[in-house]
Each structure stands twice: as C-alpha cells, then as structure tokens.
C-alpha cells in the first residue's frame, strides 16, 4: 500500500471543508486561500481551487466582490454567506465527531 496516496486521498476528501475554513477567517483572494492551505500542508493548486470555489459559490456558500489591485487587474475576494457559515458550522460538528470516533477506535 502506498501511504502517500492514502494521505493525498484524505486531504482531497476534506479540501472543500478546508477552503471554507480558510475563508471563514476573513474575506480573501484565491492566492491567499492557496497560501493558507499550503501553510497547513493541505497542498492545492489554482487548477483545483477555482472549480471548487465556483461550486461553493453556486451552492450559495460563498459570495465575492471585486477590489482594485495596485499590482494588476482587479481581484476577486471571497467570503462566506450566512448559509456558508451555517454549513461550515455543521461541517465543524461532523469533523469533531469523526475525530472523536477515530480516537475511540484507536483506544480499543
């Protein structure tokens, strides 16, 4: 078995949760999201991020606004909607339950 493959699959499974969590801190630009995820060792590339952001926006979890940039074209800043905050809260609860379950299994 390839442990690196399993680790990548786990990261992939929680990527949308991590994106919402990163945006929940404050509104941010896509490269800010990527940097936050890289700092947390949840590696993601722009080609992966943008489709997920679009899907979350279409689901009503995110909104965005354009801001002028001093270094080039305007930037799109994402933030959680009220629905996104509720959804993230539910994911937080699910995550906590999952971690608790895994800890129980490992104790036995």
PDB file of N, CA and C in Angstrom:
ATOM      1  N   UNK A   1       0.840  -1.181   0.000  1.00  0.00           N
ATOM      2  CA  UNK A   1       0.000   0.000   0.000  1.00  0.00           C
ATOM      3  C   UNK A   1       0.889   1.250   0.000  1.00  0.00           C
ATOM      4  N   UNK A   2       0.395   2.247  -0.659  1.00  0.00           N
ATOM      5  CA  UNK A   2       1.142   3.499  -0.766  1.00  0.00           C
ATOM      6  C   UNK A   2       0.563   4.517   0.221  1.00  0.00           C
ATOM      7  N   UNK A   3       1.298   4.798   1.291  1.00  0.00           N
ATOM      8  CA  UNK A   3       0.814   5.712   2.324  1.00  0.00           C
ATOM      9  C   UNK A   3       0.637   7.129   1.781  1.00  0.00           C
ATOM     10  N   UNK A   4       1.502   7.542   0.867  1.00  0.00           N
ATOM     11  CA  UNK A   4       1.377   8.895   0.300  1.00  0.00           C
ATOM     12  C   UNK A   4       0.077   9.044  -0.470  1.00  0.00           C
ATOM     13  N   UNK A   5      -0.309   7.990  -1.182  1.00  0.00           N
ATOM     14  CA  UNK A   5      -1.569   8.022  -1.917  1.00  0.00           C
ATOM     15  C   UNK A   5      -2.753   8.141  -0.955  1.00  0.00           C
ATOM     16  N   UNK A   6      -2.712   7.412   0.130  1.00  0.00           N
ATOM     17  CA  UNK A   6      -3.787   7.485   1.121  1.00  0.00           C
ATOM     18  C   UNK A   6      -3.853   8.862   1.767  1.00  0.00           C
ATOM     19  N   UNK A   7      -2.689   9.426   2.065  1.00  0.00           N
ATOM     20  CA  UNK A   7      -2.669  10.767   2.658  1.00  0.00           C
ATOM     21  C   UNK A   7      -3.246  11.791   1.680  1.00  0.00           C
ATOM     22  N   UNK A   8      -2.918  11.663   0.410  1.00  0.00           N
ATOM     23  CA  UNK A   8      -3.453  12.578  -0.605  1.00  0.00           C
ATOM     24  C   UNK A   8      -4.971  12.438  -0.716  1.00  0.00           C
ATOM     25  N   UNK A   9      -5.459  11.210  -0.639  1.00  0.00           N
ATOM     26  CA  UNK A   9      -6.902  10.989  -0.722  1.00  0.00           C
ATOM     27  C   UNK A   9      -7.624  11.591   0.488  1.00  0.00           C
ATOM     28  N   UNK A  10      -7.018  11.496   1.660  1.00  0.00           N
ATOM     29  CA  UNK A  10      -7.623  12.111   2.850  1.00  0.00           C
ATOM     30  C   UNK A  10      -7.692  13.621   2.698  1.00  0.00           C
ATOM     31  N   UNK A  11      -6.600  14.223   2.220  1.00  0.00           N
ATOM     32  CA  UNK A  11      -6.590  15.675   2.010  1.00  0.00           C
ATOM     33  C   UNK A  11      -7.649  16.080   0.998  1.00  0.00           C
ATOM     34  N   UNK A  12      -7.755  15.307  -0.060  1.00  0.00           N
ATOM     35  CA  UNK A  12      -8.732  15.602  -1.110  1.00  0.00           C
ATOM     36  C   UNK A  12     -10.156  15.561  -0.539  1.00  0.00           C
ATOM     37  N   UNK A  13     -10.404  14.613   0.351  1.00  0.00           N
ATOM     38  CA  UNK A  13     -11.726  14.463   0.937  1.00  0.00           C
ATOM     39  C   UNK A  13     -12.140  15.629   1.826  1.00  0.00           C
ATOM     40  N   UNK A  14     -11.184  16.315   2.406  1.00  0.00           N
ATOM     41  CA  UNK A  14     -11.525  17.424   3.306  1.00  0.00           C
ATOM     42  C   UNK A  14     -11.198  18.790   2.708  1.00  0.00           C
ATOM     43  N   UNK A  15     -10.850  18.808   1.436  1.00  0.00           N
ATOM     44  CA  UNK A  15     -10.418  20.050   0.803  1.00  0.00           C
ATOM     45  C   UNK A  15     -11.495  21.138   0.827  1.00  0.00           C
ATOM     46  N   UNK A  16     -12.732  20.775   0.496  1.00  0.00           N
ATOM     47  CA  UNK A  16     -13.795  21.787   0.491  1.00  0.00           C
ATOM     48  C   UNK A  16     -14.015  22.347   1.895  1.00  0.00           C
ATOM     49  N   UNK A  17     -13.929  21.499   2.891  1.00  0.00           N
ATOM     50  CA  UNK A  17     -14.048  21.931   4.282  1.00  0.00           C
ATOM     51  C   UNK A  17     -12.913  22.891   4.632  1.00  0.00           C
ATOM     52  N   UNK A  18     -11.702  22.562   4.196  1.00  0.00           N
ATOM     53  CA  UNK A  18     -10.540  23.414   4.472  1.00  0.00           C
ATOM     54  C   UNK A  18     -10.665  24.771   3.778  1.00  0.00           C
ATOM     55  N   UNK A  19     -11.192  24.775   2.563  1.00  0.00           N
ATOM     56  CA  UNK A  19     -11.376  26.033   1.829  1.00  0.00           C
ATOM     57  C   UNK A  19     -12.353  26.931   2.574  1.00  0.00           C
ATOM     58  N   UNK A  20     -13.482  26.377   2.984  1.00  0.00           N
ATOM     59  CA  UNK A  20     -14.465  27.172   3.735  1.00  0.00           C
ATOM     60  C   UNK A  20     -13.866  27.669   5.050  1.00  0.00           C
ATOM     61  N   UNK A  21     -13.089  26.826   5.705  1.00  0.00           N
ATOM     62  CA  UNK A  21     -12.453  27.223   6.961  1.00  0.00           C
ATOM     63  C   UNK A  21     -11.471  28.369   6.741  1.00  0.00           C
ATOM     64  N   UNK A  22     -10.694  28.291   5.662  1.00  0.00           N
ATOM     65  CA  UNK A  22      -9.725  29.351   5.364  1.00  0.00           C
ATOM     66  C   UNK A  22     -10.433  30.670   5.087  1.00  0.00           C
ATOM     67  N   UNK A  23     -11.530  30.614   4.367  1.00  0.00           N
ATOM     68  CA  UNK A  23     -12.268  31.833   4.028  1.00  0.00           C
ATOM     69  C   UNK A  23     -13.003  32.387   5.245  1.00  0.00           C
ATOM     70  N   UNK A  24     -13.321  31.531   6.202  1.00  0.00           N
ATOM     71  CA  UNK A  24     -14.077  31.988   7.374  1.00  0.00           C
ATOM     72  C   UNK A  24     -13.280  32.963   8.234  1.00  0.00           C
ATOM     73  N   UNK A  25     -11.956  32.939   8.117  1.00  0.00           N
ATOM     74  CA  UNK A  25     -11.104  33.830   8.907  1.00  0.00           C
ATOM     75  C   UNK A  25     -11.375  35.278   8.523  1.00  0.00           C
ATOM     76  N   UNK A  26     -11.375  35.534   7.235  1.00  0.00           N
ATOM     77  CA  UNK A  26     -11.731  36.837   6.680  1.00  0.00           C
ATOM     78  C   UNK A  26     -11.856  36.680   5.168  1.00  0.00           C
ATOM     79  N   UNK A  27     -12.439  37.659   4.503  1.00  0.00           N
ATOM     80  CA  UNK A  27     -12.558  37.549   3.051  1.00  0.00           C
ATOM     81  C   UNK A  27     -11.161  37.510   2.462  1.00  0.00           C
ATOM     82  N   UNK A  28     -10.992  36.718   1.419  1.00  0.00           N
ATOM     83  CA  UNK A  28      -9.656  36.584   0.864  1.00  0.00           C
ATOM     84  C   UNK A  28      -9.662  36.286  -0.627  1.00  0.00           C
ATOM     85  N   UNK A  29      -8.548  36.584  -1.207  1.00  0.00           N
ATOM     86  CA  UNK A  29      -8.251  36.393  -2.614  1.00  0.00           C
ATOM     87  C   UNK A  29      -7.806  34.933  -2.800  1.00  0.00           C
ATOM     88  N   UNK A  30      -7.972  34.399  -3.996  1.00  0.00           N
ATOM     89  CA  UNK A  30      -7.643  32.985  -4.236  1.00  0.00           C
ATOM     90  C   UNK A  30      -6.209  32.635  -3.822  1.00  0.00           C
ATOM     91  N   UNK A  31      -5.261  33.507  -4.118  1.00  0.00           N
ATOM     92  CA  UNK A  31      -3.875  33.178  -3.742  1.00  0.00           C
ATOM     93  C   UNK A  31      -3.702  33.167  -2.220  1.00  0.00           C
ATOM     94  N   UNK A  32      -4.497  33.963  -1.493  1.00  0.00           N
ATOM     95  CA  UNK A  32      -4.469  33.907  -0.027  1.00  0.00           C
ATOM     96  C   UNK A  32      -4.955  32.545   0.460  1.00  0.00           C
ATOM     97  N   UNK A  33      -6.014  32.046  -0.177  1.00  0.00           N
ATOM     98  CA  UNK A  33      -6.563  30.733   0.192  1.00  0.00           C
ATOM     99  C   UNK A  33      -5.511  29.658  -0.044  1.00  0.00           C
ATOM    100  N   UNK A  34      -4.875  29.692  -1.216  1.00  0.00           N
ATOM    101  CA  UNK A  34      -3.837  28.710  -1.536  1.00  0.00           C
ATOM    102  C   UNK A  34      -2.704  28.782  -0.516  1.00  0.00           C
ATOM    103  N   UNK A  35      -2.273  29.982  -0.162  1.00  0.00           N
ATOM    104  CA  UNK A  35      -1.189  30.126   0.824  1.00  0.00           C
ATOM    105  C   UNK A  35      -1.585  29.568   2.176  1.00  0.00           C
ATOM    106  N   UNK A  36      -2.814  29.833   2.604  1.00  0.00           N
ATOM    107  CA  UNK A  36      -3.275  29.300   3.897  1.00  0.00           C
ATOM    108  C   UNK A  36      -3.291  27.775   3.879  1.00  0.00           C
ATOM    109  N   UNK A  37      -3.745  27.218   2.766  1.00  0.00           N
ATOM    110  CA  UNK A  37      -3.789  25.761   2.663  1.00  0.00           C
ATOM    111  C   UNK A  37      -2.382  25.164   2.604  1.00  0.00           C
ATOM    112  N   UNK A  38      -1.485  25.825   1.901  1.00  0.00           N
ATOM    113  CA  UNK A  38      -0.099  25.337   1.841  1.00  0.00           C
ATOM    114  C   UNK A  38       0.569  25.413   3.201  1.00  0.00           C
ATOM    115  N   UNK A  39       0.321  26.490   3.941  1.00  0.00           N
ATOM    116  CA  UNK A  39       0.883  26.618   5.296  1.00  0.00           C
ATOM    117  C   UNK A  39       0.416  25.476   6.190  1.00  0.00           C
ATOM    118  N   UNK A  40      -0.817  25.033   5.960  1.00  0.00           N
ATOM    119  CA  UNK A  40      -1.388  23.939   6.749  1.00  0.00           C
ATOM    120  C   UNK A  40      -1.042  22.569   6.160  1.00  0.00           C
ATOM    121  N   UNK A  41      -0.216  22.570   5.098  1.00  0.00           N
ATOM    122  CA  UNK A  41       0.201  21.349   4.420  1.00  0.00           C
ATOM    123  C   UNK A  41      -0.962  20.621   3.742  1.00  0.00           C
ATOM    124  N   UNK A  42      -1.979  21.377   3.373  1.00  0.00           N
ATOM    125  CA  UNK A  42      -3.068  20.863   2.547  1.00  0.00           C
ATOM    126  C   UNK A  42      -2.813  21.478   1.168  1.00  0.00           C
ATOM    127  N   UNK A  43      -1.932  20.856   0.431  1.00  0.00           N
ATOM    128  CA  UNK A  43      -1.450  21.409  -0.829  1.00  0.00           C
ATOM    129  C   UNK A  43      -2.580  21.436  -1.859  1.00  0.00           C
ATOM    130  N   UNK A  44      -2.692  22.561  -2.547  1.00  0.00           N
ATOM    131  CA  UNK A  44      -3.682  22.689  -3.612  1.00  0.00           C
ATOM    132  C   UNK A  44      -3.129  23.649  -4.656  1.00  0.00           C
ATOM    133  N   UNK A  45      -3.503  23.437  -5.886  1.00  0.00           N
ATOM    134  CA  UNK A  45      -3.071  24.319  -6.977  1.00  0.00           C
ATOM    135  C   UNK A  45      -4.289  25.081  -7.491  1.00  0.00           C
ATOM    136  N   UNK A  46      -4.039  26.172  -8.197  1.00  0.00           N
ATOM    137  CA  UNK A  46      -5.133  27.007  -8.696  1.00  0.00           C
ATOM    138  C   UNK A  46      -6.118  26.220  -9.536  1.00  0.00           C
ATOM    139  N   UNK A  47      -5.622  25.294 -10.335  1.00  0.00           N
ATOM    140  CA  UNK A  47      -6.500  24.497 -11.195  1.00  0.00           C
ATOM    141  C   UNK A  47      -7.489  23.652 -10.416  1.00  0.00           C
ATOM    142  N   UNK A  48      -7.157  23.336  -9.180  1.00  0.00           N
ATOM    143  CA  UNK A  48      -8.061  22.595  -8.295  1.00  0.00           C
ATOM    144  C   UNK A  48      -8.968  23.548  -7.537  1.00  0.00           C
ATOM    145  N   UNK A  49      -8.429  24.677  -7.130  1.00  0.00           N
ATOM    146  CA  UNK A  49      -9.161  25.610  -6.281  1.00  0.00           C
ATOM    147  C   UNK A  49     -10.345  26.269  -6.993  1.00  0.00           C
ATOM    148  N   UNK A  50     -10.124  26.801  -8.176  1.00  0.00           N
ATOM    149  CA  UNK A  50     -11.173  27.587  -8.833  1.00  0.00           C
ATOM    150  C   UNK A  50     -12.467  26.819  -9.092  1.00  0.00           C
ATOM    151  N   UNK A  51     -12.416  25.577  -9.563  1.00  0.00           N
ATOM    152  CA  UNK A  51     -13.684  24.842  -9.719  1.00  0.00           C
ATOM    153  C   UNK A  51     -14.422  24.634  -8.395  1.00  0.00           C
ATOM    154  N   UNK A  52     -13.668  24.420  -7.319  1.00  0.00           N
ATOM    155  CA  UNK A  52     -14.299  24.235  -6.008  1.00  0.00           C
ATOM    156  C   UNK A  52     -14.931  25.538  -5.520  1.00  0.00           C
ATOM    157  N   UNK A  53     -14.241  26.655  -5.729  1.00  0.00           N
ATOM    158  CA  UNK A  53     -14.805  27.955  -5.352  1.00  0.00           C
ATOM    159  C   UNK A  53     -16.086  28.229  -6.134  1.00  0.00           C
ATOM    160  N   UNK A  54     -16.075  27.918  -7.419  1.00  0.00           N
ATOM    161  CA  UNK A  54     -17.264  28.121  -8.248  1.00  0.00           C
ATOM    162  C   UNK A  54     -18.409  27.254  -7.760  1.00  0.00           C
ATOM    163  N   UNK A  55     -18.125  25.993  -7.443  1.00  0.00           N
ATOM    164  CA  UNK A  55     -19.169  25.091  -6.952  1.00  0.00           C
ATOM    165  C   UNK A  55     -19.738  25.591  -5.621  1.00  0.00           C
ATOM    166  N   UNK A  56     -18.872  26.052  -4.729  1.00  0.00           N
ATOM    167  CA  UNK A  56     -19.341  26.553  -3.438  1.00  0.00           C
ATOM    168  C   UNK A  56     -20.143  27.842  -3.607  1.00  0.00           C
ATOM    169  N   UNK A  57     -19.732  28.689  -4.534  1.00  0.00           N
ATOM    170  CA  UNK A  57     -20.477  29.917  -4.818  1.00  0.00           C
ATOM    171  C   UNK A  57     -21.853  29.580  -5.383  1.00  0.00           C
ATOM    172  N   UNK A  58     -21.900  28.651  -6.338  1.00  0.00           N
ATOM    173  CA  UNK A  58     -23.172  28.255  -6.944  1.00  0.00           C
ATOM    174  C   UNK A  58     -24.108  27.589  -5.942  1.00  0.00           C
ATOM    175  N   UNK A  59     -23.546  26.989  -4.919  1.00  0.00           N
ATOM    176  CA  UNK A  59     -24.348  26.360  -3.865  1.00  0.00           C
ATOM    177  C   UNK A  59     -24.819  27.375  -2.829  1.00  0.00           C
ATOM    178  N   UNK A  60     -24.396  28.636  -2.984  1.00  0.00           N
ATOM    179  CA  UNK A  60     -24.828  29.680  -2.058  1.00  0.00           C
ATOM    180  C   UNK A  60     -23.987  29.785  -0.800  1.00  0.00           C
ATOM    181  N   UNK A  61     -22.847  29.103  -0.775  1.00  0.00           N
ATOM    182  CA  UNK A  61     -21.995  29.113   0.416  1.00  0.00           C
ATOM    183  C   UNK A  61     -21.031  30.291   0.434  1.00  0.00           C
ATOM    184  N   UNK A  62     -20.702  30.802  -0.750  1.00  0.00           N
ATOM    185  CA  UNK A  62     -19.744  31.901  -0.893  1.00  0.00           C
ATOM    186  C   UNK A  62     -20.342  33.032  -1.707  1.00  0.00           C
ATOM    187  N   UNK A  63     -19.834  34.215  -1.447  1.00  0.00           N
ATOM    188  CA  UNK A  63     -20.085  35.353  -2.324  1.00  0.00           C
ATOM    189  C   UNK A  63     -18.720  35.962  -2.605  1.00  0.00           C
ATOM    190  N   UNK A  64     -18.677  36.890  -3.538  1.00  0.00           N
ATOM    191  CA  UNK A  64     -17.406  37.550  -3.808  1.00  0.00           C
ATOM    192  C   UNK A  64     -17.633  38.996  -4.184  1.00  0.00           C
ATOM    193  N   UNK A  65     -16.558  39.741  -4.089  1.00  0.00           N
ATOM    194  CA  UNK A  65     -16.577  41.141  -4.504  1.00  0.00           C
ATOM    195  C   UNK A  65     -15.265  41.421  -5.220  1.00  0.00           C
ATOM    196  N   UNK A  66     -15.302  42.383  -6.118  1.00  0.00           N
ATOM    197  CA  UNK A  66     -14.104  42.782  -6.842  1.00  0.00           C
ATOM    198  C   UNK A  66     -13.465  43.964  -6.140  1.00  0.00           C
ATOM    199  N   UNK A  67     -12.139  43.929  -6.027  1.00  0.00           N
ATOM    200  CA  UNK A  67     -11.385  45.051  -5.464  1.00  0.00           C
ATOM    201  C   UNK A  67     -10.257  45.403  -6.408  1.00  0.00           C
ATOM    202  N   UNK A  68     -10.043  46.686  -6.565  1.00  0.00           N
ATOM    203  CA  UNK A  68      -8.927  47.149  -7.388  1.00  0.00           C
ATOM    204  C   UNK A  68      -7.614  46.713  -6.744  1.00  0.00           C
ATOM    205  N   UNK A  69      -6.639  46.418  -7.576  1.00  0.00           N
ATOM    206  CA  UNK A  69      -5.327  46.000  -7.094  1.00  0.00           C
ATOM    207  C   UNK A  69      -4.275  46.995  -7.569  1.00  0.00           C
ATOM    208  N   UNK A  70      -3.308  47.255  -6.714  1.00  0.00           N
ATOM    209  CA  UNK A  70      -2.206  48.140  -7.100  1.00  0.00           C
ATOM    210  C   UNK A  70      -1.199  47.410  -7.973  1.00  0.00           C
ATOM    211  N   UNK A  71      -1.287  46.087  -8.027  1.00  0.00           N
ATOM    212  CA  UNK A  71      -0.314  45.291  -8.771  1.00  0.00           C
ATOM    213  C   UNK A  71      -0.892  44.624 -10.008  1.00  0.00           C
ATOM    214  N   UNK A  72      -1.985  45.112 -10.541  1.00  0.00           N
ATOM    215  CA  UNK A  72      -2.535  44.495 -11.738  1.00  0.00           C
ATOM    216  C   UNK A  72      -4.040  44.631 -11.814  1.00  0.00           C
ATOM    217  N   UNK A  73      -4.688  43.644 -12.408  1.00  0.00           N
ATOM    218  CA  UNK A  73      -6.142  43.717 -12.587  1.00  0.00           C
ATOM    219  C   UNK A  73      -6.879  43.603 -11.250  1.00  0.00           C
ATOM    220  N   UNK A  74      -8.169  43.942 -11.237  1.00  0.00           N
ATOM    221  CA  UNK A  74      -8.963  43.797 -10.002  1.00  0.00           C
ATOM    222  C   UNK A  74      -8.933  42.355  -9.508  1.00  0.00           C
ATOM    223  N   UNK A  75      -9.082  42.196  -8.211  1.00  0.00           N
ATOM    224  CA  UNK A  75      -9.054  40.873  -7.589  1.00  0.00           C
ATOM    225  C   UNK A  75     -10.431  40.513  -7.053  1.00  0.00           C
ATOM    226  N   UNK A  76     -10.730  39.230  -7.121  1.00  0.00           N
ATOM    227  CA  UNK A  76     -11.989  38.707  -6.607  1.00  0.00           C
ATOM    228  C   UNK A  76     -11.740  38.202  -5.187  1.00  0.00           C
ATOM    229  N   UNK A  77     -12.430  38.799  -4.222  1.00  0.00           N
ATOM    230  CA  UNK A  77     -12.308  38.395  -2.822  1.00  0.00           C
ATOM    231  C   UNK A  77     -13.552  37.608  -2.420  1.00  0.00           C
ATOM    232  N   UNK A  78     -13.318  36.442  -1.844  1.00  0.00           N
ATOM    233  CA  UNK A  78     -14.397  35.537  -1.438  1.00  0.00           C
ATOM    234  C   UNK A  78     -14.697  35.699   0.042  1.00  0.00           C
ATOM    235  N   UNK A  79     -15.970  35.486   0.389  1.00  0.00           N
ATOM    236  CA  UNK A  79     -16.362  35.445   1.794  1.00  0.00           C
ATOM    237  C   UNK A  79     -17.544  34.503   1.947  1.00  0.00           C
ATOM    238  N   UNK A  80     -17.718  34.014   3.164  1.00  0.00           N
ATOM    239  CA  UNK A  80     -18.827  33.106   3.430  1.00  0.00           C
ATOM    240  C   UNK A  80     -20.137  33.873   3.490  1.00  0.00           C
ATOM    241  N   UNK A  81     -21.183  33.280   2.948  1.00  0.00           N
ATOM    242  CA  UNK A  81     -22.523  33.825   3.104  1.00  0.00           C
ATOM    243  C   UNK A  81     -23.066  33.317   4.442  1.00  0.00           C
ATOM    244  N   UNK A  82     -24.240  33.775   4.817  1.00  0.00           N
ATOM    245  CA  UNK A  82     -24.873  33.270   6.042  1.00  0.00           C
ATOM    246  C   UNK A  82     -25.078  31.756   5.922  1.00  0.00           C
ATOM    247  N   UNK A  83     -25.507  31.312   4.744  1.00  0.00           N
ATOM    248  CA  UNK A  83     -25.688  29.882   4.508  1.00  0.00           C
ATOM    249  C   UNK A  83     -24.347  29.147   4.608  1.00  0.00           C
ATOM    250  N   UNK A  84     -23.284  29.765   4.110  1.00  0.00           N
ATOM    251  CA  UNK A  84     -21.950  29.173   4.187  1.00  0.00           C
ATOM    252  C   UNK A  84     -21.476  29.034   5.620  1.00  0.00           C
ATOM    253  N   UNK A  85     -21.780  30.024   6.442  1.00  0.00           N
ATOM    254  CA  UNK A  85     -21.395  29.959   7.861  1.00  0.00           C
ATOM    255  C   UNK A  85     -22.125  28.833   8.567  1.00  0.00           C
ATOM    256  N   UNK A  86     -23.413  28.675   8.277  1.00  0.00           N
ATOM    257  CA  UNK A  86     -24.192  27.575   8.869  1.00  0.00           C
ATOM    258  C   UNK A  86     -23.641  26.226   8.411  1.00  0.00           C
ATOM    259  N   UNK A  87     -23.364  26.132   7.118  1.00  0.00           N
ATOM    260  CA  UNK A  87     -22.833  24.898   6.547  1.00  0.00           C
ATOM    261  C   UNK A  87     -21.495  24.550   7.187  1.00  0.00           C
ATOM    262  N   UNK A  88     -20.620  25.541   7.332  1.00  0.00           N
ATOM    263  CA  UNK A  88     -19.322  25.315   7.957  1.00  0.00           C
ATOM    264  C   UNK A  88     -19.484  24.874   9.407  1.00  0.00           C
ATOM    265  N   UNK A  89     -20.432  25.453  10.099  1.00  0.00           N
ATOM    266  CA  UNK A  89     -20.694  25.058  11.479  1.00  0.00           C
ATOM    267  C   UNK A  89     -21.084  23.575  11.557  1.00  0.00           C
ATOM    268  N   UNK A  90     -21.905  23.136  10.611  1.00  0.00           N
ATOM    269  CA  UNK A  90     -22.294  21.721  10.569  1.00  0.00           C
ATOM    270  C   UNK A  90     -21.088  20.831  10.243  1.00  0.00           C
ATOM    271  N   UNK A  91     -20.238  21.292   9.323  1.00  0.00           N
ATOM    272  CA  UNK A  91     -19.029  20.529   8.994  1.00  0.00           C
ATOM    273  C   UNK A  91     -18.095  20.451  10.200  1.00  0.00           C
ATOM    274  N   UNK A  92     -18.001  21.548  10.961  1.00  0.00           N
ATOM    275  CA  UNK A  92     -17.183  21.543  12.181  1.00  0.00           C
ATOM    276  C   UNK A  92     -17.663  20.466  13.148  1.00  0.00           C
ATOM    277  N   UNK A  93     -18.974  20.391  13.321  1.00  0.00           N
ATOM    278  CA  UNK A  93     -19.541  19.373  14.219  1.00  0.00           C
ATOM    279  C   UNK A  93     -19.238  17.971  13.703  1.00  0.00           C
ATOM    280  N   UNK A  94     -19.410  17.774  12.402  1.00  0.00           N
ATOM    281  CA  UNK A  94     -19.136  16.459  11.810  1.00  0.00           C
ATOM    282  C   UNK A  94     -17.671  16.085  11.964  1.00  0.00           C
ATOM    283  N   UNK A  95     -16.795  17.063  11.748  1.00  0.00           N
ATOM    284  CA  UNK A  95     -15.359  16.807  11.885  1.00  0.00           C
ATOM    285  C   UNK A  95     -15.031  16.403  13.324  1.00  0.00           C
ATOM    286  N   UNK A  96     -15.565  17.148  14.284  1.00  0.00           N
ATOM    287  CA  UNK A  96     -15.309  16.837  15.693  1.00  0.00           C
ATOM    288  C   UNK A  96     -15.795  15.431  16.037  1.00  0.00           C
ATOM    289  N   UNK A  97     -16.960  15.053  15.520  1.00  0.00           N
ATOM    290  CA  UNK A  97     -17.500  13.709  15.761  1.00  0.00           C
ATOM    291  C   UNK A  97     -16.605  12.642  15.141  1.00  0.00           C
ATOM    292  N   UNK A  98     -16.104  12.916  13.940  1.00  0.00           N
ATOM    293  CA  UNK A  98     -15.238  11.965  13.258  1.00  0.00           C
ATOM    294  C   UNK A  98     -13.933  11.771  14.024  1.00  0.00           C
ATOM    295  N   UNK A  99     -13.330  12.863  14.449  1.00  0.00           N
ATOM    296  CA  UNK A  99     -12.083  12.772  15.216  1.00  0.00           C
ATOM    297  C   UNK A  99     -12.327  11.999  16.513  1.00  0.00           C
ATOM    298  N   UNK A 100     -13.425  12.278  17.169  1.00  0.00           N
ATOM    299  CA  UNK A 100     -13.769  11.588  18.416  1.00  0.00           C
ATOM    300  C   UNK A 100     -13.933  10.080  18.148  1.00  0.00           C
ATOM    301  N   UNK A 101     -14.596   9.729  17.051  1.00  0.00           N
ATOM    302  CA  UNK A 101     -14.793   8.321  16.703  1.00  0.00           C
ATOM    303  C   UNK A 101     -13.472   7.622  16.437  1.00  0.00           C
ATOM    304  N   UNK A 102     -12.590   8.274  15.709  1.00  0.00           N
ATOM    305  CA  UNK A 102     -11.296   7.678  15.405  1.00  0.00           C
ATOM    306  C   UNK A 102     -10.490   7.472  16.683  1.00  0.00           C
ATOM    307  N   UNK A 103     -10.554   8.429  17.595  1.00  0.00           N
ATOM    308  CA  UNK A 103      -9.832   8.294  18.870  1.00  0.00           C
ATOM    309  C   UNK A 103     -10.383   7.113  19.657  1.00  0.00           C
ATOM    310  N   UNK A 104     -11.701   6.926  19.627  1.00  0.00           N
ATOM    311  CA  UNK A 104     -12.298   5.779  20.322  1.00  0.00           C
ATOM    312  C   UNK A 104     -11.830   4.458  19.725  1.00  0.00           C
ATOM    313  N   UNK A 105     -11.802   4.392  18.408  1.00  0.00           N
ATOM    314  CA  UNK A 105     -11.376   3.179  17.738  1.00  0.00           C
ATOM    315  C   UNK A 105      -9.925   2.868  18.070  1.00  0.00           C
ATOM    316  N   UNK A 106      -9.091   3.879  18.080  1.00  0.00           N
ATOM    317  CA  UNK A 106      -7.656   3.681  18.325  1.00  0.00           C
ATOM    318  C   UNK A 106      -7.376   3.261  19.764  1.00  0.00           C
ATOM    319  N   UNK A 107      -8.258   3.593  20.692  1.00  0.00           N
ATOM    320  CA  UNK A 107      -8.070   3.218  22.094  1.00  0.00           C
ATOM    321  C   UNK A 107      -8.340   1.727  22.311  1.00  0.00           C
ATOM    322  N   UNK A 108      -9.176   1.142  21.444  1.00  0.00           N
ATOM    323  CA  UNK A 108      -9.570  -0.259  21.655  1.00  0.00           C
ATOM    324  C   UNK A 108      -8.596  -1.218  21.083  1.00  0.00           C
TER     325      UNK A 108
END
